[in-house]
Amino acid sequence: MIKKIIVLFILVLFLINFSGNVLATENNNSYFTTLEGKLIMSGSDPFVNVFIRTTKGKFYSLSGDYVSELKKLAGGTVRITGLVTKAKVPGTRGDIDLVN
């Protein structure tokens, strides 16, 4: 009987912890994703923005440490992974902070 109560208690703690993380993500409207698409540059130095146009036609602005490297690949098709956050550039679906 005691073992069943302990197992039930651990399951409840696990569910509470898991649901708390989901709610935090929903409130922040940020999530990790991997996208494939064409790299596009817009603007002039030093205010160049780099975007990805996905295969579904959606635009995302890119930020992070790797943007300078991606500028060299402008016009090419790439697959990127990053944290999608609220759009910083009007007309885009969000900003992607690139990860390793």
Protein backbone atom coordinates (compact mmCIF):
# COMPACT_ATOMS: atom_id res chain seq x y z
CA MET A 1 0.00 0.00 0.00
CA ILE A 2 2.80 2.42 0.92
CA LYS A 3 4.62 1.66 -2.33
CA LYS A 4 1.49 2.51 -4.34
CA ILE A 5 1.13 5.85 -2.53
CA ILE A 6 4.80 6.70 -3.13
CA VAL A 7 4.53 5.83 -6.84
CA LEU A 8 1.34 7.88 -7.14
CA PHE A 9 2.98 10.82 -5.38
CA ILE A 10 5.99 10.69 -7.72
CA LEU A 11 3.68 10.58 -10.76
CA VAL A 12 1.75 13.60 -9.51
CA LEU A 13 4.99 15.52 -8.95
CA PHE A 14 6.17 14.59 -12.43
CA LEU A 15 2.90 15.77 -14.01
CA ILE A 16 2.95 19.04 -12.09
CA ASN A 17 6.54 19.70 -13.17
CA PHE A 18 5.80 18.83 -16.80
CA SER A 19 2.66 20.95 -17.02
CA GLY A 20 4.48 23.90 -15.45
CA ASN A 21 7.09 23.84 -18.23
CA VAL A 22 4.40 23.66 -20.91
CA LEU A 23 2.55 26.62 -19.44
CA ALA A 24 5.76 28.65 -19.19
CA THR A 25 6.48 28.01 -22.87
CA GLU A 26 2.95 28.95 -23.91
CA ASN A 27 3.07 32.19 -21.93
CA ASN A 28 6.40 33.19 -23.49
CA ASN A 29 5.29 32.16 -26.99
CA SER A 30 8.76 30.78 -27.68
CA TYR A 31 9.75 27.33 -28.88
CA PHE A 32 12.61 25.50 -30.57
CA THR A 33 12.26 24.48 -34.20
CA THR A 34 14.22 23.33 -37.22
CA LEU A 35 13.38 24.97 -40.55
CA GLU A 36 14.59 24.51 -44.10
CA GLY A 37 14.47 27.33 -46.60
CA LYS A 38 16.26 29.96 -48.64
CA LEU A 39 18.39 32.65 -47.00
CA ILE A 40 17.56 36.23 -47.93
CA MET A 41 19.39 39.43 -46.97
CA SER A 42 17.75 42.83 -46.75
CA GLY A 43 19.10 46.30 -45.99
CA SER A 44 22.55 47.83 -46.26
CA ASP A 45 25.61 47.78 -44.00
CA PRO A 46 25.66 47.98 -41.05
CA PHE A 47 21.92 47.31 -40.83
CA VAL A 48 21.64 44.07 -42.82
CA ASN A 49 18.86 41.70 -41.80
CA VAL A 50 19.01 38.00 -42.62
CA PHE A 51 15.79 36.07 -43.18
CA ILE A 52 14.82 32.54 -44.03
CA ARG A 53 11.92 31.90 -46.39
CA THR A 54 10.66 28.42 -45.61
CA THR A 55 9.44 25.95 -48.19
CA LYS A 56 5.90 26.90 -47.06
CA GLY A 57 6.54 30.58 -47.89
CA LYS A 58 6.82 31.86 -44.30
CA PHE A 59 9.51 34.41 -43.37
CA TYR A 60 11.52 34.46 -40.14
CA SER A 61 14.24 36.93 -39.17
CA LEU A 62 17.48 35.40 -37.89
CA SER A 63 19.64 36.49 -34.96
CA GLY A 64 22.49 35.05 -32.95
CA ASP A 65 26.17 34.31 -33.24
CA TYR A 66 25.94 32.54 -36.61
CA VAL A 67 24.20 35.25 -38.62
CA SER A 68 27.49 36.65 -39.92
CA GLU A 69 28.38 33.20 -41.28
CA LEU A 70 24.95 32.79 -42.83
CA LYS A 71 25.35 36.07 -44.72
CA LYS A 72 27.96 34.30 -46.83
CA LEU A 73 25.31 31.74 -47.83
CA ALA A 74 22.69 34.27 -48.96
CA GLY A 75 20.57 32.85 -51.76
CA GLY A 76 21.32 29.29 -50.72
CA THR A 77 19.05 26.71 -49.16
CA VAL A 78 19.87 25.80 -45.55
CA ARG A 79 18.43 23.96 -42.56
CA ILE A 80 18.62 25.86 -39.28
CA THR A 81 17.67 25.19 -35.68
CA GLY A 82 16.84 27.88 -33.17
CA LEU A 83 14.56 29.40 -30.58
CA VAL A 84 11.59 31.14 -32.19
CA THR A 85 10.46 34.25 -30.32
CA LYS A 86 8.16 37.19 -30.95
CA ALA A 87 8.66 38.84 -34.34
CA LYS A 88 11.12 41.77 -34.23
CA VAL A 89 10.70 42.61 -37.92
CA PRO A 90 7.21 43.43 -39.25
CA GLY A 91 5.87 40.95 -41.77
CA THR A 92 7.73 37.96 -40.34
CA ARG A 93 6.38 35.01 -38.33
CA GLY A 94 9.01 35.46 -35.61
CA ASP A 95 12.68 35.87 -34.80
CA ILE A 96 14.90 32.80 -34.65
CA ASP A 97 17.87 32.92 -32.30
CA LEU A 98 20.20 30.35 -33.85
CA VAL A 99 21.70 27.56 -31.74
CA ASN A 100 24.67 25.32 -32.27
